[in-house]
Amino acid sequence: MTLGDITFQTSSVPTVDASLYNLSPAQAAFFKSQTGIDNDEDLKRHILEVQAKAYKIAPYPCIHGFGFLRLNLSNFPVYKHILKLGRERPNAVLLDIGCCFGVDARKAAADGFPAKNIIASDIVNEFLQLSHELFKTTPASYPGSLIPGDVFDPEFLSIVTPSDDVSPVSAIDLSPLKSLSPLHGRVSAINAIAFFHLFSEEKQLYAARALAGLLSAQPGSVICGFDNGAVEKGIKITNLSGIEYQGFNHSPESWSSLWDGEVFEKGTVKVETELVEILIFDKRHLMMMWSVTRL
């Protein structure tokens, strides 16, 4: 089976394990407020039902280990800046790419970024449908946009040179969009958490160029993420819950030079990276938190 460019044997995929379910107080408060389910056991039952459906579609480790419930973006230093863009920049657009259920997008909407200006996008359309099930919404009741598509499909997102037009953008109705290309140079913030590390080195560069074309040239426009990291770039083997995943991991140095010099003209962006160790299934795992901000 393939998840992005990461290949593993389907026979080794673990079954779902309800014992891994563990909401923090902040997570519990958020999902209760969003779903209207106040009882802890009822909320757990609801989330487990959605997890089981999603895991049959694509057995990502983040679904098996309930990583999709983490409020990742809201714990990043750049999050306050993104919310400020939503409050203060006219017609600011937030894109949550490779969003799974779009939890970060929903959290940003709950925290004040105008929902009508938020797009959550994933290649797996069923995940977007399950987003409505998870949050107990419908396309009519939730003003955010959920757009399925493949970043590597030029019909969905073509590659263009990053915009140098810093003038304010006009308002755009996101609801009828079927692709991201109409947003070239219009997106103020892109959340790409746990996205790039699914792909080969070549595809990571392609995706970076594709997403860079969406980013507004206005100073402060930002793309951020959280991916498998390495002290030295290269192909790494990761063992999660007994499954070996092989993928390409960037180092802070290689990731910085990719964005500042290859994707964007050197000196026109500020790249910030930080390697952090986290526990996944009781094993230490090296991750890289990063952001690229237009100057």
C-alpha atoms as a PDB file:
ATOM      1  CA  MET A   1       0.000   0.000   0.000  1.00  0.00           C
ATOM      2  CA  THR A   2       1.164   3.550  -0.695  1.00  0.00           C
ATOM      3  CA  LEU A   3       0.544   6.671   1.357  1.00  0.00           C
ATOM      4  CA  GLY A   4       1.949   9.462  -0.775  1.00  0.00           C
ATOM      5  CA  ASP A   5       5.337   8.028  -1.795  1.00  0.00           C
ATOM      6  CA  ILE A   6       5.662   5.918   1.359  1.00  0.00           C
ATOM      7  CA  THR A   7       5.153   2.207   0.729  1.00  0.00           C
ATOM      8  CA  PHE A   8       4.465  -0.565   3.239  1.00  0.00           C
ATOM      9  CA  GLN A   9       2.811  -3.967   3.356  1.00  0.00           C
ATOM     10  CA  THR A  10      -0.961  -3.916   3.905  1.00  0.00           C
ATOM     11  CA  SER A  11      -0.682  -7.148   5.894  1.00  0.00           C
ATOM     12  CA  SER A  12       1.288  -5.322   8.569  1.00  0.00           C
ATOM     13  CA  VAL A  13      -1.276  -2.596   9.173  1.00  0.00           C
ATOM     14  CA  PRO A  14      -2.390  -2.740  12.820  1.00  0.00           C
ATOM     15  CA  THR A  15      -6.052  -2.807  13.722  1.00  0.00           C
ATOM     16  CA  VAL A  16      -7.594   0.199  15.416  1.00  0.00           C
ATOM     17  CA  ASP A  17      -6.897   0.326  19.139  1.00  0.00           C
ATOM     18  CA  ALA A  18      -9.368   2.258  21.284  1.00  0.00           C
ATOM     19  CA  SER A  19      -6.903   2.257  24.190  1.00  0.00           C
ATOM     20  CA  LEU A  20      -4.842   4.863  22.318  1.00  0.00           C
ATOM     21  CA  TYR A  21      -7.721   7.349  22.581  1.00  0.00           C
ATOM     22  CA  ASN A  22      -6.775  10.082  25.050  1.00  0.00           C
ATOM     23  CA  LEU A  23      -8.083  13.625  24.747  1.00  0.00           C
ATOM     24  CA  SER A  24      -6.326  16.462  26.544  1.00  0.00           C
ATOM     25  CA  PRO A  25      -8.566  18.920  28.412  1.00  0.00           C
ATOM     26  CA  ALA A  26      -8.127  21.416  25.562  1.00  0.00           C
ATOM     27  CA  GLN A  27      -9.042  18.827  22.938  1.00  0.00           C
ATOM     28  CA  ALA A  28     -12.046  17.640  24.911  1.00  0.00           C
ATOM     29  CA  ALA A  29     -13.316  21.193  25.360  1.00  0.00           C
ATOM     30  CA  PHE A  30     -12.885  21.950  21.651  1.00  0.00           C
ATOM     31  CA  PHE A  31     -14.637  18.843  20.328  1.00  0.00           C
ATOM     32  CA  LYS A  32     -17.448  19.162  22.856  1.00  0.00           C
ATOM     33  CA  SER A  33     -18.031  22.776  21.831  1.00  0.00           C
ATOM     34  CA  GLN A  34     -17.966  21.880  18.131  1.00  0.00           C
ATOM     35  CA  THR A  35     -20.089  18.729  18.219  1.00  0.00           C
ATOM     36  CA  GLY A  36     -22.488  19.605  21.016  1.00  0.00           C
ATOM     37  CA  ILE A  37     -21.663  16.264  22.681  1.00  0.00           C
ATOM     38  CA  ASP A  38     -21.017  16.997  26.364  1.00  0.00           C
ATOM     39  CA  ASN A  39     -20.729  13.460  27.696  1.00  0.00           C
ATOM     40  CA  ASP A  40     -17.173  12.052  27.579  1.00  0.00           C
ATOM     41  CA  GLU A  41     -18.227   8.501  26.694  1.00  0.00           C
ATOM     42  CA  ASP A  42     -20.646   9.682  24.023  1.00  0.00           C
ATOM     43  CA  LEU A  43     -17.925  11.859  22.507  1.00  0.00           C
ATOM     44  CA  LYS A  44     -15.466   8.949  22.540  1.00  0.00           C
ATOM     45  CA  ARG A  45     -18.003   6.684  20.862  1.00  0.00           C
ATOM     46  CA  HIS A  46     -18.671   9.293  18.181  1.00  0.00           C
ATOM     47  CA  ILE A  47     -14.970   9.848  17.440  1.00  0.00           C
ATOM     48  CA  LEU A  48     -14.248   6.106  17.350  1.00  0.00           C
ATOM     49  CA  GLU A  49     -16.999   5.614  14.773  1.00  0.00           C
ATOM     50  CA  VAL A  50     -15.477   8.275  12.514  1.00  0.00           C
ATOM     51  CA  GLN A  51     -11.964   6.925  13.058  1.00  0.00           C
ATOM     52  CA  ALA A  52     -13.010   3.410  12.038  1.00  0.00           C
ATOM     53  CA  LYS A  53     -14.510   4.675   8.784  1.00  0.00           C
ATOM     54  CA  ALA A  54     -11.440   6.761   7.962  1.00  0.00           C
ATOM     55  CA  TYR A  55      -9.000   3.963   8.782  1.00  0.00           C
ATOM     56  CA  LYS A  56     -10.684   1.667   6.273  1.00  0.00           C
ATOM     57  CA  ILE A  57     -10.188   4.334   3.612  1.00  0.00           C
ATOM     58  CA  ALA A  58      -6.506   5.069   4.331  1.00  0.00           C
ATOM     59  CA  PRO A  59      -4.631   3.594   7.328  1.00  0.00           C
ATOM     60  CA  TYR A  60      -2.484   6.605   8.130  1.00  0.00           C
ATOM     61  CA  PRO A  61      -0.539   6.418  11.417  1.00  0.00           C
ATOM     62  CA  CYS A  62      -2.159   9.715  12.470  1.00  0.00           C
ATOM     63  CA  ILE A  63      -5.570   8.057  12.214  1.00  0.00           C
ATOM     64  CA  HIS A  64      -4.494   4.886  14.012  1.00  0.00           C
ATOM     65  CA  GLY A  65      -2.882   6.861  16.842  1.00  0.00           C
ATOM     66  CA  PHE A  66      -5.581   9.589  16.996  1.00  0.00           C
ATOM     67  CA  GLY A  67      -3.104  12.209  15.827  1.00  0.00           C
ATOM     68  CA  PHE A  68      -5.928  13.733  13.789  1.00  0.00           C
ATOM     69  CA  LEU A  69      -7.420  14.974  17.066  1.00  0.00           C
ATOM     70  CA  ARG A  70      -4.388  17.104  17.934  1.00  0.00           C
ATOM     71  CA  LEU A  71      -4.926  20.835  17.661  1.00  0.00           C
ATOM     72  CA  ASN A  72      -1.524  21.094  16.009  1.00  0.00           C
ATOM     73  CA  LEU A  73      -1.582  24.504  14.378  1.00  0.00           C
ATOM     74  CA  SER A  74      -2.984  26.257  17.445  1.00  0.00           C
ATOM     75  CA  ASN A  75       0.077  25.132  19.415  1.00  0.00           C
ATOM     76  CA  PHE A  76       2.540  26.696  16.957  1.00  0.00           C
ATOM     77  CA  PRO A  77       4.122  30.110  17.625  1.00  0.00           C
ATOM     78  CA  VAL A  78       2.974  31.263  14.170  1.00  0.00           C
ATOM     79  CA  TYR A  79      -0.701  30.632  15.006  1.00  0.00           C
ATOM     80  CA  LYS A  80      -1.245  34.009  16.663  1.00  0.00           C
ATOM     81  CA  HIS A  81       0.165  35.675  13.563  1.00  0.00           C
ATOM     82  CA  ILE A  82      -2.202  33.699  11.322  1.00  0.00           C
ATOM     83  CA  LEU A  83      -5.212  34.693  13.435  1.00  0.00           C
ATOM     84  CA  LYS A  84      -4.031  38.317  13.283  1.00  0.00           C
ATOM     85  CA  LEU A  85      -3.952  38.112   9.490  1.00  0.00           C
ATOM     86  CA  GLY A  86      -7.527  36.858   9.590  1.00  0.00           C
ATOM     87  CA  ARG A  87      -8.605  39.752  11.791  1.00  0.00           C
ATOM     88  CA  GLU A  88      -6.654  42.599  10.214  1.00  0.00           C
ATOM     89  CA  ARG A  89      -5.852  41.800   6.572  1.00  0.00           C
ATOM     90  CA  PRO A  90      -8.802  42.451   4.255  1.00  0.00           C
ATOM     91  CA  ASN A  91      -9.911  39.270   2.466  1.00  0.00           C
ATOM     92  CA  ALA A  92      -7.179  37.111   4.015  1.00  0.00           C
ATOM     93  CA  VAL A  93      -7.488  33.441   2.991  1.00  0.00           C
ATOM     94  CA  LEU A  94      -6.271  30.456   5.026  1.00  0.00           C
ATOM     95  CA  LEU A  95      -5.569  27.161   3.256  1.00  0.00           C
ATOM     96  CA  ASP A  96      -5.293  23.910   5.232  1.00  0.00           C
ATOM     97  CA  ILE A  97      -3.640  21.543   2.728  1.00  0.00           C
ATOM     98  CA  GLY A  98      -3.508  17.767   3.220  1.00  0.00           C
ATOM     99  CA  CYS A  99      -5.982  18.481   5.978  1.00  0.00           C
ATOM    100  CA  CYS A 100      -7.462  15.018   6.665  1.00  0.00           C
ATOM    101  CA  PHE A 101     -10.625  16.067   8.563  1.00  0.00           C
ATOM    102  CA  GLY A 102      -9.652  19.743   8.580  1.00  0.00           C
ATOM    103  CA  VAL A 103      -9.385  19.962  12.378  1.00  0.00           C
ATOM    104  CA  ASP A 104      -6.866  22.826  12.219  1.00  0.00           C
ATOM    105  CA  ALA A 105      -9.160  24.716   9.854  1.00  0.00           C
ATOM    106  CA  ARG A 106     -12.113  24.245  12.218  1.00  0.00           C
ATOM    107  CA  LYS A 107     -10.035  25.377  15.187  1.00  0.00           C
ATOM    108  CA  ALA A 108      -8.916  28.517  13.348  1.00  0.00           C
ATOM    109  CA  ALA A 109     -12.539  29.303  12.489  1.00  0.00           C
ATOM    110  CA  ALA A 110     -13.533  28.804  16.125  1.00  0.00           C
ATOM    111  CA  ASP A 111     -10.735  31.167  17.166  1.00  0.00           C
ATOM    112  CA  GLY A 112     -11.832  33.968  14.881  1.00  0.00           C
ATOM    113  CA  PHE A 113     -10.372  33.510  11.400  1.00  0.00           C
ATOM    114  CA  PRO A 114     -13.407  34.131   9.153  1.00  0.00           C
ATOM    115  CA  ALA A 115     -14.680  30.666   8.229  1.00  0.00           C
ATOM    116  CA  LYS A 116     -15.878  31.837   4.820  1.00  0.00           C
ATOM    117  CA  ASN A 117     -12.240  32.575   3.984  1.00  0.00           C
ATOM    118  CA  ILE A 118     -10.906  29.165   5.054  1.00  0.00           C
ATOM    119  CA  ILE A 119     -10.271  26.255   2.683  1.00  0.00           C
ATOM    120  CA  ALA A 120      -9.550  22.719   3.831  1.00  0.00           C
ATOM    121  CA  SER A 121      -8.249  20.467   1.066  1.00  0.00           C
ATOM    122  CA  ASP A 122      -7.250  16.805   0.853  1.00  0.00           C
ATOM    123  CA  ILE A 123      -6.726  14.302  -1.929  1.00  0.00           C
ATOM    124  CA  VAL A 124      -9.075  11.884  -0.107  1.00  0.00           C
ATOM    125  CA  ASN A 125     -12.559  13.287  -0.635  1.00  0.00           C
ATOM    126  CA  GLU A 126     -13.999  10.830   1.897  1.00  0.00           C
ATOM    127  CA  PHE A 127     -11.970  12.548   4.627  1.00  0.00           C
ATOM    128  CA  LEU A 128     -13.694  15.826   3.808  1.00  0.00           C
ATOM    129  CA  GLN A 129     -17.081  14.136   3.977  1.00  0.00           C
ATOM    130  CA  LEU A 130     -16.109  12.612   7.324  1.00  0.00           C
ATOM    131  CA  SER A 131     -15.160  16.108   8.506  1.00  0.00           C
ATOM    132  CA  HIS A 132     -18.837  16.996   8.407  1.00  0.00           C
ATOM    133  CA  GLU A 133     -19.669  13.786  10.251  1.00  0.00           C
ATOM    134  CA  LEU A 134     -16.990  14.394  12.899  1.00  0.00           C
ATOM    135  CA  PHE A 135     -18.105  17.968  13.529  1.00  0.00           C
ATOM    136  CA  LYS A 136     -21.808  17.307  12.984  1.00  0.00           C
ATOM    137  CA  THR A 137     -22.102  19.913  10.233  1.00  0.00           C
ATOM    138  CA  THR A 138     -23.325  20.008   6.656  1.00  0.00           C
ATOM    139  CA  PRO A 139     -22.131  22.005   3.639  1.00  0.00           C
ATOM    140  CA  ALA A 140     -25.055  24.313   4.341  1.00  0.00           C
ATOM    141  CA  SER A 141     -24.306  24.846   8.034  1.00  0.00           C
ATOM    142  CA  TYR A 142     -20.514  25.256   7.819  1.00  0.00           C
ATOM    143  CA  PRO A 143     -19.346  28.326   5.848  1.00  0.00           C
ATOM    144  CA  GLY A 144     -15.796  27.039   5.264  1.00  0.00           C
ATOM    145  CA  SER A 145     -14.869  25.406   1.956  1.00  0.00           C
ATOM    146  CA  LEU A 146     -13.822  21.747   1.650  1.00  0.00           C
ATOM    147  CA  ILE A 147     -12.154  21.129  -1.714  1.00  0.00           C
ATOM    148  CA  PRO A 148     -10.860  17.686  -2.716  1.00  0.00           C
ATOM    149  CA  GLY A 149      -7.910  17.546  -5.071  1.00  0.00           C
ATOM    150  CA  ASP A 150      -4.348  16.496  -5.833  1.00  0.00           C
ATOM    151  CA  VAL A 151      -1.623  19.128  -5.456  1.00  0.00           C
ATOM    152  CA  PHE A 152       0.395  17.238  -8.091  1.00  0.00           C
ATOM    153  CA  ASP A 153      -2.388  17.538 -10.681  1.00  0.00           C
ATOM    154  CA  PRO A 154      -1.838  20.711 -12.758  1.00  0.00           C
ATOM    155  CA  GLU A 155      -5.582  20.812 -13.412  1.00  0.00           C
ATOM    156  CA  PHE A 156      -6.092  21.284  -9.675  1.00  0.00           C
ATOM    157  CA  LEU A 157      -3.057  23.446  -8.909  1.00  0.00           C
ATOM    158  CA  SER A 158      -0.721  24.720 -11.597  1.00  0.00           C
ATOM    159  CA  ILE A 159       2.773  26.000 -10.857  1.00  0.00           C
ATOM    160  CA  VAL A 160       3.364  29.718 -11.352  1.00  0.00           C
ATOM    161  CA  THR A 161       6.132  32.087 -10.331  1.00  0.00           C
ATOM    162  CA  PRO A 162       5.461  33.475  -6.838  1.00  0.00           C
ATOM    163  CA  SER A 163       3.586  36.745  -7.014  1.00  0.00           C
ATOM    164  CA  ASP A 164       5.385  40.060  -6.461  1.00  0.00           C
ATOM    165  CA  ASP A 165       2.173  42.105  -6.341  1.00  0.00           C
ATOM    166  CA  VAL A 166       1.828  43.437  -2.787  1.00  0.00           C
ATOM    167  CA  SER A 167      -1.405  45.350  -3.411  1.00  0.00           C
ATOM    168  CA  PRO A 168      -4.487  44.318  -1.404  1.00  0.00           C
ATOM    169  CA  VAL A 169      -6.609  41.591  -2.976  1.00  0.00           C
ATOM    170  CA  SER A 170     -10.295  41.854  -3.687  1.00  0.00           C
ATOM    171  CA  ALA A 171     -12.833  39.629  -2.006  1.00  0.00           C
ATOM    172  CA  ILE A 172     -13.409  36.220  -3.576  1.00  0.00           C
ATOM    173  CA  ASP A 173     -16.221  33.734  -3.042  1.00  0.00           C
ATOM    174  CA  LEU A 174     -14.499  30.454  -2.257  1.00  0.00           C
ATOM    175  CA  SER A 175     -17.628  28.304  -2.201  1.00  0.00           C
ATOM    176  CA  PRO A 176     -17.832  27.516  -5.939  1.00  0.00           C
ATOM    177  CA  LEU A 177     -14.126  26.692  -6.346  1.00  0.00           C
ATOM    178  CA  LYS A 178     -13.258  23.229  -7.661  1.00  0.00           C
ATOM    179  CA  SER A 179      -9.503  23.852  -7.830  1.00  0.00           C
ATOM    180  CA  LEU A 180      -6.877  26.005  -6.132  1.00  0.00           C
ATOM    181  CA  SER A 181      -5.357  27.693  -9.190  1.00  0.00           C
ATOM    182  CA  PRO A 182      -7.795  30.658  -9.069  1.00  0.00           C
ATOM    183  CA  LEU A 183      -6.123  31.542  -5.759  1.00  0.00           C
ATOM    184  CA  HIS A 184      -2.653  32.203  -7.174  1.00  0.00           C
ATOM    185  CA  GLY A 185      -1.128  35.090  -5.216  1.00  0.00           C
ATOM    186  CA  ARG A 186      -4.203  35.427  -2.978  1.00  0.00           C
ATOM    187  CA  VAL A 187      -3.593  33.142   0.028  1.00  0.00           C
ATOM    188  CA  SER A 188      -2.336  34.775   3.218  1.00  0.00           C
ATOM    189  CA  ALA A 189      -1.577  31.628   5.226  1.00  0.00           C
ATOM    190  CA  ILE A 190      -1.056  27.965   4.332  1.00  0.00           C
ATOM    191  CA  ASN A 191      -1.079  25.199   6.926  1.00  0.00           C
ATOM    192  CA  ALA A 192       0.827  22.172   5.573  1.00  0.00           C
ATOM    193  CA  ILE A 193       1.287  20.131   8.749  1.00  0.00           C
ATOM    194  CA  ALA A 194       2.267  16.472   8.149  1.00  0.00           C
ATOM    195  CA  PHE A 195       2.092  16.935   4.396  1.00  0.00           C
ATOM    196  CA  PHE A 196       5.520  17.245   2.782  1.00  0.00           C
ATOM    197  CA  HIS A 197       7.108  14.218   4.448  1.00  0.00           C
ATOM    198  CA  LEU A 198       4.713  11.922   2.584  1.00  0.00           C
ATOM    199  CA  PHE A 199       6.614  12.541  -0.641  1.00  0.00           C
ATOM    200  CA  SER A 200       9.985  12.045  -2.306  1.00  0.00           C
ATOM    201  CA  GLU A 201      12.598  14.792  -2.381  1.00  0.00           C
ATOM    202  CA  GLU A 202      11.632  15.721  -5.940  1.00  0.00           C
ATOM    203  CA  LYS A 203       7.923  15.837  -5.147  1.00  0.00           C
ATOM    204  CA  GLN A 204       8.533  17.927  -2.029  1.00  0.00           C
ATOM    205  CA  LEU A 205      10.203  20.554  -4.215  1.00  0.00           C
ATOM    206  CA  TYR A 206       7.326  20.359  -6.714  1.00  0.00           C
ATOM    207  CA  ALA A 207       4.727  20.797  -3.945  1.00  0.00           C
ATOM    208  CA  ALA A 208       6.666  23.697  -2.442  1.00  0.00           C
ATOM    209  CA  ARG A 209       6.689  25.492  -5.800  1.00  0.00           C
ATOM    210  CA  ALA A 210       2.999  24.787  -6.323  1.00  0.00           C
ATOM    211  CA  LEU A 211       2.008  26.146  -2.914  1.00  0.00           C
ATOM    212  CA  ALA A 212       4.383  29.116  -3.172  1.00  0.00           C
ATOM    213  CA  GLY A 213       2.441  30.282  -6.215  1.00  0.00           C
ATOM    214  CA  LEU A 214      -0.651  30.582  -4.048  1.00  0.00           C
ATOM    215  CA  LEU A 215       0.984  32.705  -1.362  1.00  0.00           C
ATOM    216  CA  SER A 216       0.251  36.423  -1.344  1.00  0.00           C
ATOM    217  CA  ALA A 217       3.254  38.716  -1.843  1.00  0.00           C
ATOM    218  CA  GLN A 218       2.092  40.933   1.003  1.00  0.00           C
ATOM    219  CA  PRO A 219       4.695  40.900   3.801  1.00  0.00           C
ATOM    220  CA  GLY A 220       3.732  38.484   6.557  1.00  0.00           C
ATOM    221  CA  SER A 221       2.080  35.912   4.310  1.00  0.00           C
ATOM    222  CA  VAL A 222       3.178  32.554   5.668  1.00  0.00           C
ATOM    223  CA  ILE A 223       3.275  28.820   5.050  1.00  0.00           C
ATOM    224  CA  CYS A 224       4.034  26.496   7.946  1.00  0.00           C
ATOM    225  CA  GLY A 225       4.284  22.813   8.710  1.00  0.00           C
ATOM    226  CA  PHE A 226       5.442  19.986  10.943  1.00  0.00           C
ATOM    227  CA  ASP A 227       7.178  17.101   9.220  1.00  0.00           C
ATOM    228  CA  ASN A 228       9.574  14.251   9.806  1.00  0.00           C
ATOM    229  CA  GLY A 229      12.974  15.863  10.228  1.00  0.00           C
ATOM    230  CA  ALA A 230      16.623  14.838  10.220  1.00  0.00           C
ATOM    231  CA  VAL A 231      19.982  16.217  11.290  1.00  0.00           C
ATOM    232  CA  GLU A 232      21.179  15.402   7.770  1.00  0.00           C
ATOM    233  CA  LYS A 233      18.738  15.118   4.870  1.00  0.00           C
ATOM    234  CA  GLY A 234      18.138  11.729   3.305  1.00  0.00           C
ATOM    235  CA  ILE A 235      15.923   8.658   3.112  1.00  0.00           C
ATOM    236  CA  LYS A 236      15.046   7.471   6.602  1.00  0.00           C
ATOM    237  CA  ILE A 237      13.250   4.387   7.908  1.00  0.00           C
ATOM    238  CA  THR A 238      10.721   4.990  10.665  1.00  0.00           C
ATOM    239  CA  ASN A 239       9.069   2.236  12.703  1.00  0.00           C
ATOM    240  CA  LEU A 240       5.645   3.159  14.014  1.00  0.00           C
ATOM    241  CA  SER A 241       3.576   0.555  15.806  1.00  0.00           C
ATOM    242  CA  GLY A 242       5.492  -2.272  14.162  1.00  0.00           C
ATOM    243  CA  ILE A 243       5.257  -0.899  10.610  1.00  0.00           C
ATOM    244  CA  GLU A 244       8.340   0.318   8.781  1.00  0.00           C
ATOM    245  CA  TYR A 245       7.861   3.474   6.725  1.00  0.00           C
ATOM    246  CA  GLN A 246      10.583   4.684   4.380  1.00  0.00           C
ATOM    247  CA  GLY A 247      10.577   8.301   3.299  1.00  0.00           C
ATOM    248  CA  PHE A 248      12.715  11.343   2.548  1.00  0.00           C
ATOM    249  CA  ASN A 249      13.358  13.715   5.455  1.00  0.00           C
ATOM    250  CA  HIS A 250      14.837  17.177   5.119  1.00  0.00           C
ATOM    251  CA  SER A 251      17.248  18.767   7.577  1.00  0.00           C
ATOM    252  CA  PRO A 252      16.765  22.367   8.753  1.00  0.00           C
ATOM    253  CA  GLU A 253      19.607  23.454   6.447  1.00  0.00           C
ATOM    254  CA  SER A 254      18.300  21.719   3.324  1.00  0.00           C
ATOM    255  CA  TRP A 255      14.719  22.836   4.014  1.00  0.00           C
ATOM    256  CA  SER A 256      15.784  26.456   4.478  1.00  0.00           C
ATOM    257  CA  SER A 257      17.841  26.497   1.266  1.00  0.00           C
ATOM    258  CA  LEU A 258      14.959  24.905  -0.650  1.00  0.00           C
ATOM    259  CA  TRP A 259      12.559  27.721   0.219  1.00  0.00           C
ATOM    260  CA  ASP A 260      15.052  30.605   0.351  1.00  0.00           C
ATOM    261  CA  GLY A 261      16.791  30.371  -3.002  1.00  0.00           C
ATOM    262  CA  GLU A 262      15.027  27.633  -4.977  1.00  0.00           C
ATOM    263  CA  VAL A 263      11.317  28.245  -4.435  1.00  0.00           C
ATOM    264  CA  PHE A 264      11.510  31.951  -3.621  1.00  0.00           C
ATOM    265  CA  GLU A 265      14.178  34.402  -4.722  1.00  0.00           C
ATOM    266  CA  LYS A 266      16.896  34.372  -2.091  1.00  0.00           C
ATOM    267  CA  GLY A 267      16.409  36.986   0.602  1.00  0.00           C
ATOM    268  CA  THR A 268      12.688  37.487  -0.017  1.00  0.00           C
ATOM    269  CA  VAL A 269      11.487  35.112   2.725  1.00  0.00           C
ATOM    270  CA  LYS A 270      12.349  34.309   6.317  1.00  0.00           C
ATOM    271  CA  VAL A 271      12.603  30.585   7.016  1.00  0.00           C
ATOM    272  CA  GLU A 272      12.405  29.363  10.599  1.00  0.00           C
ATOM    273  CA  THR A 273      13.002  25.724  11.551  1.00  0.00           C
ATOM    274  CA  GLU A 274      13.232  23.786  14.781  1.00  0.00           C
ATOM    275  CA  LEU A 275      13.960  20.101  15.278  1.00  0.00           C
ATOM    276  CA  VAL A 276      11.938  18.624  18.135  1.00  0.00           C
ATOM    277  CA  GLU A 277      11.654  15.144  19.588  1.00  0.00           C
ATOM    278  CA  ILE A 278       8.172  13.810  20.202  1.00  0.00           C
ATOM    279  CA  LEU A 279       6.864  10.495  21.446  1.00  0.00           C
ATOM    280  CA  ILE A 280       4.873   8.420  18.953  1.00  0.00           C
ATOM    281  CA  PHE A 281       3.733   5.036  20.248  1.00  0.00           C
ATOM    282  CA  ASP A 282       6.304   5.425  23.085  1.00  0.00           C
ATOM    283  CA  LYS A 283       9.186   5.902  20.644  1.00  0.00           C
ATOM    284  CA  ARG A 284      11.179   9.104  20.246  1.00  0.00           C
ATOM    285  CA  HIS A 285      10.671  10.606  16.817  1.00  0.00           C
ATOM    286  CA  LEU A 286      12.508  13.589  15.281  1.00  0.00           C
ATOM    287  CA  MET A 287      10.200  16.177  13.750  1.00  0.00           C
ATOM    288  CA  MET A 288      10.789  19.604  12.229  1.00  0.00           C
ATOM    289  CA  MET A 289       8.549  22.560  12.961  1.00  0.00           C
ATOM    290  CA  TRP A 290       8.936  25.217  10.283  1.00  0.00           C
ATOM    291  CA  SER A 291       7.538  28.373   8.759  1.00  0.00           C
ATOM    292  CA  VAL A 292       8.295  30.434   5.654  1.00  0.00           C
ATOM    293  CA  THR A 293       7.250  34.094   5.817  1.00  0.00           C
ATOM    294  CA  ARG A 294       7.324  36.565   2.946  1.00  0.00           C
ATOM    295  CA  LEU A 295       9.301  39.718   3.682  1.00  0.00           C
END
